[in-house]
Amino acid sequence: MSPSGVAMLAGMAAGYGFFAYVAGRFLYPSGKSNRAWMFVTAAAEFAEGRSMVFRTPAGAIVNITRRASTGQAEDFIALSAVCPHLGCRVHWEGQNNRYYCPCHDGIFDPSGKATGGPPGQAGQSLSSYPLEIRSGMLFIEVEAGRVAAASGIIEESAGPEGPGHDPCLQPAVYRNPGRNRVC
């Protein structure tokens, strides 16, 4: 084999090898997950049938809805507030027992499964987040992100109030007197 053929083969091997390395890093990222449990609200102050919109430190918007009152984490569901169809904002309609996307009449059942509109036709559902109750407090597991000050409850649908962090650690200006009595 000629020297130019060897050089060409070596260049191709190096190029394809580097491509395989980059693809492997993308498909199988290394490192520790940046997930954390965040305080949402006192579970007793979150009435059945109500919903709130919560923003994670990474900026994701989540609908948290209380479906029952047994005192377990299963009473609650946390679903992405972003429609998988075109990224519009999904909200809870308690009177219709569903999540609704107004952009193209996307309809989701109480578990987040698409039942109507373009998301239903495409079989797209809302992604969910793990929830946990500790000592009567509701926590959500989220991607931690970098901007902790931007997280918390950003609006509610007749639900509890609060900053979305541990109320005992928040400056008094962010506390809602009479609502978060856990401190």
N, C-alpha and C. Protein backbone atom coordinates (compact mmCIF):
# COMPACT_ATOMS: atom_id res chain seq x y z
N MET A 1 0.86 -1.18 0.00
CA MET A 1 0.00 0.00 0.00
C MET A 1 0.90 1.24 0.00
N SER A 2 0.52 2.22 -0.76
CA SER A 2 1.32 3.43 -0.89
C SER A 2 1.22 4.29 0.37
N PRO A 3 2.19 5.18 0.60
CA PRO A 3 2.17 6.06 1.78
C PRO A 3 0.92 6.95 1.81
N SER A 4 0.44 7.40 0.65
CA SER A 4 -0.78 8.24 0.64
C SER A 4 -2.00 7.41 1.04
N GLY A 5 -2.04 6.15 0.68
CA GLY A 5 -3.15 5.27 1.07
C GLY A 5 -3.17 5.02 2.56
N VAL A 6 -1.97 4.85 3.15
CA VAL A 6 -1.86 4.66 4.60
C VAL A 6 -2.32 5.92 5.32
N ALA A 7 -1.89 7.09 4.83
CA ALA A 7 -2.29 8.36 5.45
C ALA A 7 -3.80 8.55 5.36
N MET A 8 -4.37 8.19 4.21
CA MET A 8 -5.82 8.32 4.05
C MET A 8 -6.55 7.39 5.02
N LEU A 9 -6.07 6.17 5.14
CA LEU A 9 -6.71 5.22 6.05
C LEU A 9 -6.59 5.69 7.50
N ALA A 10 -5.43 6.21 7.88
CA ALA A 10 -5.23 6.71 9.24
C ALA A 10 -6.15 7.90 9.52
N GLY A 11 -6.30 8.80 8.56
CA GLY A 11 -7.18 9.96 8.71
C GLY A 11 -8.63 9.53 8.87
N MET A 12 -9.05 8.56 8.08
CA MET A 12 -10.44 8.07 8.18
C MET A 12 -10.68 7.40 9.53
N ALA A 13 -9.72 6.60 9.97
CA ALA A 13 -9.86 5.92 11.27
C ALA A 13 -9.95 6.94 12.40
N ALA A 14 -9.09 7.97 12.35
CA ALA A 14 -9.11 9.01 13.37
C ALA A 14 -10.43 9.78 13.33
N GLY A 15 -10.91 10.12 12.14
CA GLY A 15 -12.17 10.86 12.01
C GLY A 15 -13.36 10.07 12.52
N TYR A 16 -13.46 8.82 12.08
CA TYR A 16 -14.57 7.98 12.54
C TYR A 16 -14.45 7.65 14.02
N GLY A 17 -13.24 7.49 14.50
CA GLY A 17 -13.03 7.23 15.93
C GLY A 17 -13.49 8.40 16.77
N PHE A 18 -13.14 9.62 16.34
CA PHE A 18 -13.57 10.81 17.07
C PHE A 18 -15.09 10.94 17.03
N PHE A 19 -15.70 10.67 15.88
CA PHE A 19 -17.16 10.72 15.77
C PHE A 19 -17.80 9.72 16.73
N ALA A 20 -17.27 8.51 16.81
CA ALA A 20 -17.80 7.49 17.72
C ALA A 20 -17.67 7.94 19.17
N TYR A 21 -16.55 8.58 19.51
CA TYR A 21 -16.35 9.09 20.86
C TYR A 21 -17.40 10.16 21.21
N VAL A 22 -17.60 11.13 20.32
CA VAL A 22 -18.57 12.20 20.56
C VAL A 22 -19.98 11.62 20.66
N ALA A 23 -20.34 10.70 19.77
CA ALA A 23 -21.66 10.08 19.81
C ALA A 23 -21.86 9.31 21.11
N GLY A 24 -20.82 8.61 21.55
CA GLY A 24 -20.90 7.87 22.82
C GLY A 24 -21.10 8.79 24.00
N ARG A 25 -20.41 9.92 24.03
CA ARG A 25 -20.58 10.89 25.13
C ARG A 25 -21.97 11.49 25.13
N PHE A 26 -22.55 11.69 23.94
CA PHE A 26 -23.89 12.24 23.84
C PHE A 26 -24.94 11.21 24.27
N LEU A 27 -24.80 9.99 23.81
CA LEU A 27 -25.78 8.95 24.11
C LEU A 27 -25.67 8.41 25.53
N TYR A 28 -24.47 8.41 26.09
CA TYR A 28 -24.22 7.88 27.43
C TYR A 28 -23.42 8.89 28.24
N PRO A 29 -24.07 9.99 28.65
CA PRO A 29 -23.33 11.02 29.38
C PRO A 29 -22.86 10.49 30.73
N SER A 30 -21.70 10.93 31.12
CA SER A 30 -21.15 10.51 32.41
C SER A 30 -21.43 11.58 33.44
N GLY A 31 -21.16 11.25 34.64
CA GLY A 31 -21.31 12.23 35.70
C GLY A 31 -22.56 12.00 36.51
N LYS A 32 -22.60 12.70 37.62
CA LYS A 32 -23.67 12.58 38.58
C LYS A 32 -24.87 13.41 38.12
N SER A 33 -26.06 12.88 38.33
CA SER A 33 -27.28 13.60 38.00
C SER A 33 -27.44 14.80 38.93
N ASN A 34 -27.91 15.89 38.43
CA ASN A 34 -28.09 17.11 39.20
C ASN A 34 -29.54 17.21 39.65
N ARG A 35 -30.05 16.16 40.29
CA ARG A 35 -31.44 16.14 40.73
C ARG A 35 -31.49 16.40 42.23
N ALA A 36 -32.58 17.04 42.68
CA ALA A 36 -32.73 17.35 44.09
C ALA A 36 -34.21 17.34 44.46
N TRP A 37 -34.48 17.10 45.74
CA TRP A 37 -35.85 17.18 46.26
C TRP A 37 -36.08 18.60 46.76
N MET A 38 -37.17 19.22 46.31
CA MET A 38 -37.50 20.59 46.72
C MET A 38 -38.83 20.62 47.45
N PHE A 39 -38.91 21.45 48.46
CA PHE A 39 -40.16 21.66 49.20
C PHE A 39 -41.15 22.39 48.30
N VAL A 40 -42.41 21.94 48.32
CA VAL A 40 -43.47 22.61 47.56
C VAL A 40 -44.40 23.35 48.50
N THR A 41 -45.04 22.62 49.43
CA THR A 41 -45.99 23.21 50.35
C THR A 41 -46.32 22.21 51.45
N ALA A 42 -46.98 22.68 52.48
CA ALA A 42 -47.50 21.77 53.51
C ALA A 42 -48.68 21.03 52.89
N ALA A 43 -48.66 19.72 52.95
CA ALA A 43 -49.68 18.90 52.29
C ALA A 43 -51.08 19.21 52.81
N ALA A 44 -51.23 19.48 54.09
CA ALA A 44 -52.55 19.75 54.68
C ALA A 44 -53.17 21.04 54.16
N GLU A 45 -52.36 21.95 53.67
CA GLU A 45 -52.87 23.23 53.17
C GLU A 45 -53.21 23.20 51.69
N PHE A 46 -53.02 22.07 51.06
CA PHE A 46 -53.27 21.91 49.63
C PHE A 46 -54.57 21.11 49.49
N ALA A 47 -55.67 21.78 49.23
CA ALA A 47 -56.99 21.13 49.20
C ALA A 47 -57.16 20.20 48.00
N GLU A 48 -57.95 19.15 48.21
CA GLU A 48 -58.24 18.20 47.14
C GLU A 48 -58.93 18.92 45.98
N GLY A 49 -58.53 18.57 44.75
CA GLY A 49 -59.11 19.17 43.55
C GLY A 49 -58.42 20.45 43.10
N ARG A 50 -57.52 20.95 43.92
CA ARG A 50 -56.81 22.18 43.56
C ARG A 50 -55.51 21.88 42.84
N SER A 51 -55.00 22.89 42.16
CA SER A 51 -53.77 22.75 41.39
C SER A 51 -52.93 24.01 41.54
N MET A 52 -51.62 23.85 41.42
CA MET A 52 -50.72 25.01 41.44
C MET A 52 -49.69 24.83 40.33
N VAL A 53 -49.11 25.92 39.91
CA VAL A 53 -48.05 25.89 38.91
C VAL A 53 -46.75 26.18 39.64
N PHE A 54 -45.77 25.31 39.45
CA PHE A 54 -44.50 25.36 40.15
C PHE A 54 -43.37 25.47 39.13
N ARG A 55 -42.41 26.37 39.37
CA ARG A 55 -41.24 26.50 38.48
C ARG A 55 -40.03 25.92 39.20
N THR A 56 -39.35 25.00 38.52
CA THR A 56 -38.15 24.39 39.10
C THR A 56 -36.95 25.32 38.94
N PRO A 57 -35.86 25.06 39.66
CA PRO A 57 -34.68 25.91 39.50
C PRO A 57 -34.13 25.90 38.08
N ALA A 58 -34.34 24.80 37.35
CA ALA A 58 -33.86 24.72 35.97
C ALA A 58 -34.81 25.42 35.00
N GLY A 59 -35.96 25.91 35.49
CA GLY A 59 -36.88 26.66 34.66
C GLY A 59 -38.07 25.89 34.14
N ALA A 60 -38.17 24.59 34.43
CA ALA A 60 -39.33 23.80 33.98
C ALA A 60 -40.58 24.24 34.74
N ILE A 61 -41.71 24.25 34.04
CA ILE A 61 -42.98 24.63 34.65
C ILE A 61 -43.78 23.35 34.86
N VAL A 62 -44.28 23.15 36.09
CA VAL A 62 -44.94 21.91 36.49
C VAL A 62 -46.30 22.22 37.10
N ASN A 63 -47.34 21.47 36.69
CA ASN A 63 -48.65 21.52 37.34
C ASN A 63 -48.65 20.48 38.44
N ILE A 64 -48.96 20.89 39.68
CA ILE A 64 -49.10 19.95 40.78
C ILE A 64 -50.56 19.99 41.21
N THR A 65 -51.21 18.83 41.18
CA THR A 65 -52.64 18.75 41.46
C THR A 65 -52.87 17.72 42.56
N ARG A 66 -53.79 18.05 43.48
CA ARG A 66 -54.17 17.09 44.53
C ARG A 66 -55.43 16.38 44.09
N ARG A 67 -55.36 15.04 44.00
CA ARG A 67 -56.48 14.24 43.51
C ARG A 67 -57.25 13.53 44.62
N ALA A 68 -56.65 13.35 45.79
CA ALA A 68 -57.31 12.64 46.90
C ALA A 68 -56.79 13.20 48.22
N SER A 69 -57.35 12.69 49.33
CA SER A 69 -56.97 13.20 50.65
C SER A 69 -56.65 12.08 51.62
N THR A 70 -55.87 11.10 51.21
CA THR A 70 -55.51 10.00 52.11
C THR A 70 -54.26 10.29 52.92
N GLY A 71 -53.56 11.37 52.60
CA GLY A 71 -52.34 11.72 53.31
C GLY A 71 -51.09 11.09 52.74
N GLN A 72 -51.19 10.50 51.56
CA GLN A 72 -50.06 9.85 50.91
C GLN A 72 -49.58 10.69 49.72
N ALA A 73 -48.37 10.41 49.25
CA ALA A 73 -47.84 11.11 48.08
C ALA A 73 -48.66 10.80 46.84
N GLU A 74 -49.33 9.64 46.82
CA GLU A 74 -50.16 9.26 45.67
C GLU A 74 -51.39 10.14 45.52
N ASP A 75 -51.71 10.95 46.55
CA ASP A 75 -52.82 11.90 46.45
C ASP A 75 -52.52 12.99 45.43
N PHE A 76 -51.25 13.21 45.16
CA PHE A 76 -50.80 14.31 44.31
C PHE A 76 -50.24 13.78 43.00
N ILE A 77 -50.27 14.62 41.98
CA ILE A 77 -49.60 14.31 40.72
C ILE A 77 -48.91 15.59 40.24
N ALA A 78 -47.71 15.42 39.74
CA ALA A 78 -46.93 16.54 39.21
C ALA A 78 -46.63 16.24 37.75
N LEU A 79 -47.17 17.08 36.86
CA LEU A 79 -47.03 16.89 35.42
C LEU A 79 -46.46 18.15 34.78
N SER A 80 -45.73 17.96 33.71
CA SER A 80 -45.20 19.10 32.96
C SER A 80 -46.36 19.99 32.52
N ALA A 81 -46.16 21.30 32.59
CA ALA A 81 -47.18 22.25 32.15
C ALA A 81 -46.94 22.67 30.70
N VAL A 82 -46.07 21.93 30.01
CA VAL A 82 -45.75 22.23 28.62
C VAL A 82 -46.35 21.14 27.73
N CYS A 83 -47.22 21.54 26.80
CA CYS A 83 -47.87 20.60 25.90
C CYS A 83 -46.81 19.98 24.97
N PRO A 84 -46.81 18.66 24.83
CA PRO A 84 -45.81 18.02 23.96
C PRO A 84 -46.06 18.28 22.47
N HIS A 85 -47.22 18.83 22.12
CA HIS A 85 -47.54 19.09 20.72
C HIS A 85 -46.71 20.27 20.19
N LEU A 86 -46.93 21.47 20.75
CA LEU A 86 -46.20 22.65 20.27
C LEU A 86 -45.60 23.48 21.39
N GLY A 87 -45.62 22.97 22.62
CA GLY A 87 -45.00 23.67 23.73
C GLY A 87 -45.84 24.74 24.38
N CYS A 88 -47.15 24.75 24.14
CA CYS A 88 -48.03 25.73 24.78
C CYS A 88 -48.24 25.34 26.25
N ARG A 89 -48.81 26.25 27.02
CA ARG A 89 -49.01 26.05 28.45
C ARG A 89 -50.28 25.27 28.72
N VAL A 90 -50.14 24.17 29.44
CA VAL A 90 -51.26 23.31 29.83
C VAL A 90 -51.70 23.72 31.22
N HIS A 91 -53.01 23.73 31.49
CA HIS A 91 -53.49 24.05 32.83
C HIS A 91 -54.59 23.06 33.24
N TRP A 92 -54.80 22.96 34.55
CA TRP A 92 -55.78 22.06 35.13
C TRP A 92 -57.16 22.71 35.09
N GLU A 93 -58.15 21.97 34.64
CA GLU A 93 -59.56 22.39 34.67
C GLU A 93 -60.28 21.46 35.63
N GLY A 94 -60.38 21.86 36.89
CA GLY A 94 -61.00 21.03 37.91
C GLY A 94 -62.46 20.70 37.61
N GLN A 95 -63.19 21.67 37.05
CA GLN A 95 -64.60 21.44 36.74
C GLN A 95 -64.79 20.38 35.67
N ASN A 96 -63.79 20.19 34.80
CA ASN A 96 -63.86 19.17 33.74
C ASN A 96 -62.99 17.96 34.03
N ASN A 97 -62.29 17.96 35.18
CA ASN A 97 -61.43 16.86 35.60
C ASN A 97 -60.42 16.50 34.51
N ARG A 98 -59.69 17.52 34.01
CA ARG A 98 -58.73 17.29 32.93
C ARG A 98 -57.70 18.41 32.89
N TYR A 99 -56.61 18.13 32.18
CA TYR A 99 -55.64 19.17 31.83
C TYR A 99 -55.96 19.59 30.41
N TYR A 100 -55.81 20.88 30.15
CA TYR A 100 -56.24 21.41 28.85
C TYR A 100 -55.17 22.33 28.28
N CYS A 101 -54.91 22.18 26.97
CA CYS A 101 -54.02 23.06 26.25
C CYS A 101 -54.87 23.89 25.29
N PRO A 102 -54.95 25.20 25.47
CA PRO A 102 -55.82 26.04 24.65
C PRO A 102 -55.32 26.27 23.23
N CYS A 103 -54.07 25.97 22.92
CA CYS A 103 -53.55 26.27 21.59
C CYS A 103 -54.28 25.51 20.48
N HIS A 104 -54.46 24.21 20.66
CA HIS A 104 -55.13 23.39 19.64
C HIS A 104 -56.10 22.41 20.28
N ASP A 105 -56.70 22.80 21.40
CA ASP A 105 -57.67 21.97 22.13
C ASP A 105 -57.09 20.62 22.53
N GLY A 106 -55.88 20.64 23.04
CA GLY A 106 -55.27 19.41 23.55
C GLY A 106 -55.90 19.05 24.89
N ILE A 107 -56.30 17.81 25.05
CA ILE A 107 -56.95 17.36 26.27
C ILE A 107 -56.16 16.19 26.85
N PHE A 108 -55.93 16.25 28.17
CA PHE A 108 -55.21 15.21 28.90
C PHE A 108 -56.04 14.79 30.09
N ASP A 109 -56.08 13.49 30.38
CA ASP A 109 -56.83 13.00 31.53
C ASP A 109 -56.08 13.36 32.82
N PRO A 110 -56.65 13.09 34.01
CA PRO A 110 -55.98 13.47 35.27
C PRO A 110 -54.62 12.82 35.50
N SER A 111 -54.29 11.77 34.76
CA SER A 111 -52.96 11.15 34.90
C SER A 111 -51.96 11.72 33.90
N GLY A 112 -52.40 12.63 33.00
CA GLY A 112 -51.51 13.25 32.02
C GLY A 112 -51.51 12.57 30.66
N LYS A 113 -52.33 11.54 30.49
CA LYS A 113 -52.40 10.85 29.19
C LYS A 113 -53.27 11.67 28.24
N ALA A 114 -52.77 11.89 27.01
CA ALA A 114 -53.51 12.68 26.02
C ALA A 114 -54.74 11.90 25.57
N THR A 115 -55.89 12.59 25.56
CA THR A 115 -57.14 11.95 25.14
C THR A 115 -57.82 12.68 24.00
N GLY A 116 -57.35 13.86 23.61
CA GLY A 116 -57.99 14.61 22.54
C GLY A 116 -57.07 15.64 21.93
N GLY A 117 -57.48 16.15 20.78
CA GLY A 117 -56.69 17.15 20.07
C GLY A 117 -55.46 16.53 19.45
N PRO A 118 -54.55 17.36 18.93
CA PRO A 118 -53.33 16.84 18.31
C PRO A 118 -52.49 15.96 19.23
N PRO A 119 -52.35 16.28 20.54
CA PRO A 119 -51.55 15.37 21.38
C PRO A 119 -52.19 13.98 21.48
N GLY A 120 -53.52 13.93 21.53
CA GLY A 120 -54.22 12.65 21.60
C GLY A 120 -54.04 11.84 20.33
N GLN A 121 -54.08 12.52 19.19
CA GLN A 121 -53.91 11.83 17.91
C GLN A 121 -52.49 11.31 17.75
N ALA A 122 -51.52 12.01 18.33
CA ALA A 122 -50.12 11.61 18.22
C ALA A 122 -49.68 10.69 19.36
N GLY A 123 -50.57 10.46 20.33
CA GLY A 123 -50.22 9.61 21.47
C GLY A 123 -49.21 10.23 22.40
N GLN A 124 -49.19 11.58 22.48
CA GLN A 124 -48.24 12.29 23.33
C GLN A 124 -48.88 12.54 24.70
N SER A 125 -48.15 12.31 25.75
CA SER A 125 -48.64 12.54 27.10
C SER A 125 -47.72 13.52 27.82
N LEU A 126 -48.18 14.04 28.96
CA LEU A 126 -47.39 14.97 29.76
C LEU A 126 -46.39 14.17 30.60
N SER A 127 -45.16 14.64 30.69
CA SER A 127 -44.17 13.96 31.52
C SER A 127 -44.46 14.24 32.99
N SER A 128 -44.10 13.28 33.85
CA SER A 128 -44.41 13.41 35.28
C SER A 128 -43.14 13.57 36.10
N TYR A 129 -43.33 14.04 37.33
CA TYR A 129 -42.24 14.25 38.28
C TYR A 129 -42.56 13.48 39.55
N PRO A 130 -41.55 12.86 40.19
CA PRO A 130 -41.78 12.14 41.45
C PRO A 130 -42.13 13.11 42.58
N LEU A 131 -43.05 12.68 43.44
CA LEU A 131 -43.43 13.45 44.62
C LEU A 131 -43.24 12.60 45.86
N GLU A 132 -43.07 13.26 46.99
CA GLU A 132 -42.86 12.57 48.25
C GLU A 132 -43.41 13.44 49.37
N ILE A 133 -43.96 12.79 50.41
CA ILE A 133 -44.40 13.53 51.60
C ILE A 133 -43.47 13.14 52.74
N ARG A 134 -42.90 14.17 53.39
CA ARG A 134 -42.04 13.98 54.56
C ARG A 134 -42.55 14.88 55.67
N SER A 135 -42.92 14.30 56.77
CA SER A 135 -43.40 15.07 57.94
C SER A 135 -44.50 16.05 57.55
N GLY A 136 -45.42 15.62 56.70
CA GLY A 136 -46.54 16.46 56.30
C GLY A 136 -46.22 17.50 55.24
N MET A 137 -45.00 17.46 54.72
CA MET A 137 -44.58 18.43 53.71
C MET A 137 -44.47 17.73 52.36
N LEU A 138 -44.93 18.40 51.30
CA LEU A 138 -44.86 17.87 49.94
C LEU A 138 -43.56 18.31 49.29
N PHE A 139 -42.83 17.33 48.71
CA PHE A 139 -41.58 17.59 48.02
C PHE A 139 -41.66 17.04 46.60
N ILE A 140 -40.96 17.69 45.68
CA ILE A 140 -40.89 17.25 44.29
C ILE A 140 -39.42 17.04 43.92
N GLU A 141 -39.15 15.99 43.14
CA GLU A 141 -37.79 15.76 42.67
C GLU A 141 -37.64 16.40 41.30
N VAL A 142 -36.68 17.31 41.18
CA VAL A 142 -36.50 18.08 39.95
C VAL A 142 -35.03 18.19 39.60
N GLU A 143 -34.77 18.61 38.37
CA GLU A 143 -33.42 18.96 37.93
C GLU A 143 -33.06 20.23 38.67
N ALA A 144 -31.95 20.23 39.39
CA ALA A 144 -31.62 21.34 40.29
C ALA A 144 -31.32 22.64 39.56
N GLY A 145 -30.57 22.62 38.48
CA GLY A 145 -30.27 23.86 37.76
C GLY A 145 -29.37 24.78 38.56
N ARG A 146 -29.25 26.01 38.10
CA ARG A 146 -28.34 26.96 38.73
C ARG A 146 -29.05 28.13 39.41
N VAL A 147 -30.25 28.47 39.00
CA VAL A 147 -30.90 29.69 39.48
C VAL A 147 -31.97 29.34 40.50
N ALA A 148 -31.58 29.08 41.72
CA ALA A 148 -32.52 28.66 42.76
C ALA A 148 -33.54 29.76 43.09
N ALA A 149 -33.18 31.02 42.93
CA ALA A 149 -34.10 32.11 43.27
C ALA A 149 -35.28 32.18 42.32
N ALA A 150 -35.20 31.57 41.15
CA ALA A 150 -36.29 31.63 40.18
C ALA A 150 -37.27 30.49 40.35
N SER A 151 -37.09 29.65 41.34
CA SER A 151 -37.97 28.50 41.50
C SER A 151 -39.08 28.81 42.49
N GLY A 152 -40.10 27.97 42.46
CA GLY A 152 -41.18 28.10 43.42
C GLY A 152 -42.52 28.16 42.76
N ILE A 153 -43.52 28.43 43.55
CA ILE A 153 -44.88 28.51 43.06
C ILE A 153 -45.03 29.83 42.32
N ILE A 154 -45.41 29.77 41.06
CA ILE A 154 -45.52 31.00 40.28
C ILE A 154 -46.96 31.45 40.10
N GLU A 155 -47.88 30.54 40.26
CA GLU A 155 -49.30 30.90 40.29
C GLU A 155 -50.05 29.69 40.78
N GLU A 156 -51.26 29.88 41.12
CA GLU A 156 -52.04 28.75 41.58
C GLU A 156 -53.46 28.83 41.08
N SER A 157 -54.06 27.68 41.05
CA SER A 157 -55.46 27.59 40.68
C SER A 157 -56.22 27.27 41.94
N ALA A 158 -56.53 28.27 42.73
CA ALA A 158 -57.23 28.12 44.00
C ALA A 158 -56.51 27.14 44.92
N GLY A 159 -55.19 27.19 44.94
CA GLY A 159 -54.41 26.28 45.77
C GLY A 159 -53.61 27.03 46.81
N PRO A 160 -52.70 26.34 47.48
CA PRO A 160 -51.92 26.98 48.53
C PRO A 160 -50.92 28.00 47.99
N GLU A 161 -50.45 28.84 48.87
CA GLU A 161 -49.48 29.86 48.47
C GLU A 161 -48.14 29.55 49.08
N GLY A 162 -47.09 30.11 48.52
CA GLY A 162 -45.76 29.91 49.08
C GLY A 162 -44.69 30.12 48.03
N PRO A 163 -43.45 30.23 48.46
CA PRO A 163 -42.36 30.53 47.54
C PRO A 163 -41.80 29.31 46.83
N GLY A 164 -42.15 28.09 47.24
CA GLY A 164 -41.63 26.90 46.58
C GLY A 164 -40.36 26.38 47.21
N HIS A 165 -39.85 27.04 48.22
CA HIS A 165 -38.69 26.56 48.96
C HIS A 165 -39.15 26.29 50.39
N ASP A 166 -38.23 25.84 51.21
CA ASP A 166 -38.54 25.64 52.62
C ASP A 166 -38.94 26.98 53.22
N PRO A 167 -40.17 27.12 53.72
CA PRO A 167 -40.63 28.42 54.22
C PRO A 167 -39.84 28.90 55.42
N CYS A 168 -39.25 27.99 56.17
CA CYS A 168 -38.48 28.39 57.35
C CYS A 168 -37.17 29.07 56.98
N LEU A 169 -36.68 28.81 55.77
CA LEU A 169 -35.40 29.37 55.34
C LEU A 169 -35.56 30.62 54.49
N GLN A 170 -36.78 30.99 54.15
CA GLN A 170 -37.02 32.15 53.29
C GLN A 170 -37.02 33.44 54.11
N PRO A 171 -36.59 34.53 53.51
CA PRO A 171 -36.72 35.83 54.18
C PRO A 171 -38.20 36.11 54.46
N ALA A 172 -38.47 36.83 55.52
CA ALA A 172 -39.85 37.09 55.93
C ALA A 172 -40.68 37.73 54.83
N VAL A 173 -40.07 38.49 53.93
CA VAL A 173 -40.81 39.15 52.86
C VAL A 173 -41.47 38.14 51.93
N TYR A 174 -40.91 36.91 51.82
CA TYR A 174 -41.47 35.90 50.94
C TYR A 174 -42.49 35.00 51.63
N ARG A 175 -42.55 35.03 52.92
CA ARG A 175 -43.48 34.16 53.65
C ARG A 175 -44.88 34.70 53.54
N ASN A 176 -45.83 33.83 53.61
CA ASN A 176 -47.24 34.20 53.61
C ASN A 176 -47.79 33.92 54.99
N PRO A 177 -47.88 34.93 55.85
CA PRO A 177 -48.32 34.71 57.22
C PRO A 177 -49.68 34.02 57.28
N GLY A 178 -49.79 33.06 58.15
CA GLY A 178 -51.06 32.37 58.33
C GLY A 178 -51.24 31.17 57.43
N ARG A 179 -50.43 31.01 56.40
CA ARG A 179 -50.59 29.89 55.47
C ARG A 179 -49.55 28.80 55.73
N ASN A 180 -48.30 29.17 55.82
CA ASN A 180 -47.23 28.19 56.05
C ASN A 180 -46.86 28.23 57.53
N ARG A 181 -47.56 27.48 58.36
CA ARG A 181 -47.35 27.51 59.81
C ARG A 181 -46.41 26.41 60.25
N VAL A 182 -45.42 26.08 59.48
CA VAL A 182 -44.54 24.96 59.82
C VAL A 182 -43.28 25.40 60.52
N CYS A 183 -42.98 26.69 60.57
CA CYS A 183 -41.74 27.17 61.18
C CYS A 183 -41.92 27.36 62.67
